[in-house]
Each structure stands twice: as C-alpha cells, then as structure tokens.
Amino acid sequence: MHLKDYKKKTGQFVKLTEGDVNWKEVRKAFVEVGWPKFMTVEFNGDDFLEPDELAKRIDRIIAGE
C-alpha cells in the first residue's frame, strides 16, 4: 500500500495527513479488504517529513484516528 496525501484546492501532493484524504475511511477500507499491513510512503522533496514525525502520522492512520 502506498500512502500519500493530496490537496484538491491546490492540486498538489502534500505531507501525509495534511491533505484531503479521509484517513478514517481509508482505514475502514483496509480492514474490509483484509489489508496485510504493509505500507510505504510516497513523497517528494516538498512534502518530506522527519522519520519520527512520519512514523507518528502512520501510527495514527493505522489506529484509525
């Protein structure tokens, strides 16, 4: 599973959890399809996050927050 976020208003990819993706609904869909819990984050230089912050955001997504 590739994780990335997007902001419709600007038409740009943004830092994970700062866009328009409804992560609670995405998490529900993961469960419904039997998602195996393997993920990778896709980003470019503009939406880079420090590893600790990125891990926190991914943990919140996994937790359904």
C-alpha atoms as a PDB file:
ATOM      1  CA  MET A   1       0.000   0.000   0.000  1.00  0.00           C
ATOM      2  CA  HIS A   2       1.398   3.374  -0.984  1.00  0.00           C
ATOM      3  CA  LEU A   3       0.453   6.235   1.314  1.00  0.00           C
ATOM      4  CA  LYS A   4       0.376   9.803   0.065  1.00  0.00           C
ATOM      5  CA  ASP A   5      -1.904  12.774   0.515  1.00  0.00           C
ATOM      6  CA  TYR A   6      -3.345  15.335  -1.879  1.00  0.00           C
ATOM      7  CA  LYS A   7      -4.974  18.731  -1.546  1.00  0.00           C
ATOM      8  CA  LYS A   8      -7.689  19.314  -4.135  1.00  0.00           C
ATOM      9  CA  LYS A   9      -7.703  23.108  -3.739  1.00  0.00           C
ATOM     10  CA  THR A  10      -4.049  23.458  -4.751  1.00  0.00           C
ATOM     11  CA  GLY A  11      -3.875  20.362  -6.945  1.00  0.00           C
ATOM     12  CA  GLN A  12      -0.716  19.237  -5.174  1.00  0.00           C
ATOM     13  CA  PHE A  13       0.531  16.334  -3.148  1.00  0.00           C
ATOM     14  CA  VAL A  14       1.159  17.384   0.460  1.00  0.00           C
ATOM     15  CA  LYS A  15       2.596  15.988   3.675  1.00  0.00           C
ATOM     16  CA  LEU A  16       0.850  12.856   4.904  1.00  0.00           C
ATOM     17  CA  THR A  17      -2.373  13.695   6.828  1.00  0.00           C
ATOM     18  CA  GLU A  18      -2.349  17.351   5.681  1.00  0.00           C
ATOM     19  CA  GLY A  19      -4.444  16.837   2.557  1.00  0.00           C
ATOM     20  CA  ASP A  20      -7.994  15.886   1.725  1.00  0.00           C
ATOM     21  CA  VAL A  21      -7.690  12.118   2.167  1.00  0.00           C
ATOM     22  CA  ASN A  22     -10.203  10.852   4.722  1.00  0.00           C
ATOM     23  CA  TRP A  23      -7.829   8.536   6.575  1.00  0.00           C
ATOM     24  CA  LYS A  24     -10.540   7.141   8.882  1.00  0.00           C
ATOM     25  CA  GLU A  25     -12.456   5.885   5.849  1.00  0.00           C
ATOM     26  CA  VAL A  26      -9.273   4.600   4.221  1.00  0.00           C
ATOM     27  CA  ARG A  27      -8.507   2.655   7.397  1.00  0.00           C
ATOM     28  CA  LYS A  28     -12.013   1.138   7.377  1.00  0.00           C
ATOM     29  CA  ALA A  29     -11.475   0.055   3.776  1.00  0.00           C
ATOM     30  CA  PHE A  30      -8.134  -1.529   4.721  1.00  0.00           C
ATOM     31  CA  VAL A  31      -9.933  -3.707   7.251  1.00  0.00           C
ATOM     32  CA  GLU A  32     -12.776  -4.580   4.863  1.00  0.00           C
ATOM     33  CA  VAL A  33     -10.405  -5.899   2.197  1.00  0.00           C
ATOM     34  CA  GLY A  34      -8.098  -7.729   4.599  1.00  0.00           C
ATOM     35  CA  TRP A  35      -5.173  -5.351   4.149  1.00  0.00           C
ATOM     36  CA  PRO A  36      -1.974  -7.143   5.180  1.00  0.00           C
ATOM     37  CA  LYS A  37      -0.447  -4.113   6.982  1.00  0.00           C
ATOM     38  CA  PHE A  38       2.419  -3.479   4.584  1.00  0.00           C
ATOM     39  CA  MET A  39       2.812   0.159   3.620  1.00  0.00           C
ATOM     40  CA  THR A  40       5.269   2.535   2.053  1.00  0.00           C
ATOM     41  CA  VAL A  41       5.093   6.302   1.988  1.00  0.00           C
ATOM     42  CA  GLU A  42       5.463   8.140  -1.268  1.00  0.00           C
ATOM     43  CA  PHE A  43       6.707  11.731  -1.117  1.00  0.00           C
ATOM     44  CA  ASN A  44       8.910  14.215  -2.892  1.00  0.00           C
ATOM     45  CA  GLY A  45      11.242  16.897  -1.561  1.00  0.00           C
ATOM     46  CA  ASP A  46       8.403  19.333  -0.901  1.00  0.00           C
ATOM     47  CA  ASP A  47       6.393  17.026   1.332  1.00  0.00           C
ATOM     48  CA  PHE A  48       9.260  15.359   3.223  1.00  0.00           C
ATOM     49  CA  LEU A  49       8.758  14.697   6.951  1.00  0.00           C
ATOM     50  CA  GLU A  50      11.361  13.708   9.505  1.00  0.00           C
ATOM     51  CA  PRO A  51      11.205   9.949  10.179  1.00  0.00           C
ATOM     52  CA  ASP A  52       9.860  10.320  13.743  1.00  0.00           C
ATOM     53  CA  GLU A  53       7.034  12.604  12.621  1.00  0.00           C
ATOM     54  CA  LEU A  54       6.228  10.390   9.653  1.00  0.00           C
ATOM     55  CA  ALA A  55       6.040   7.344  11.947  1.00  0.00           C
ATOM     56  CA  LYS A  56       3.616   9.180  14.267  1.00  0.00           C
ATOM     57  CA  ARG A  57       1.328  10.048  11.368  1.00  0.00           C
ATOM     58  CA  ILE A  58       1.365   6.490  10.047  1.00  0.00           C
ATOM     59  CA  ASP A  59       0.609   5.168  13.541  1.00  0.00           C
ATOM     60  CA  ARG A  60      -2.443   7.459  13.702  1.00  0.00           C
ATOM     61  CA  ILE A  61      -3.639   6.182  10.316  1.00  0.00           C
ATOM     62  CA  ILE A  62      -3.220   2.548  11.436  1.00  0.00           C
ATOM     63  CA  ALA A  63      -5.073   3.335  14.668  1.00  0.00           C
ATOM     64  CA  GLY A  64      -7.984   4.800  12.664  1.00  0.00           C
ATOM     65  CA  GLU A  65      -7.610   8.276  14.111  1.00  0.00           C
END
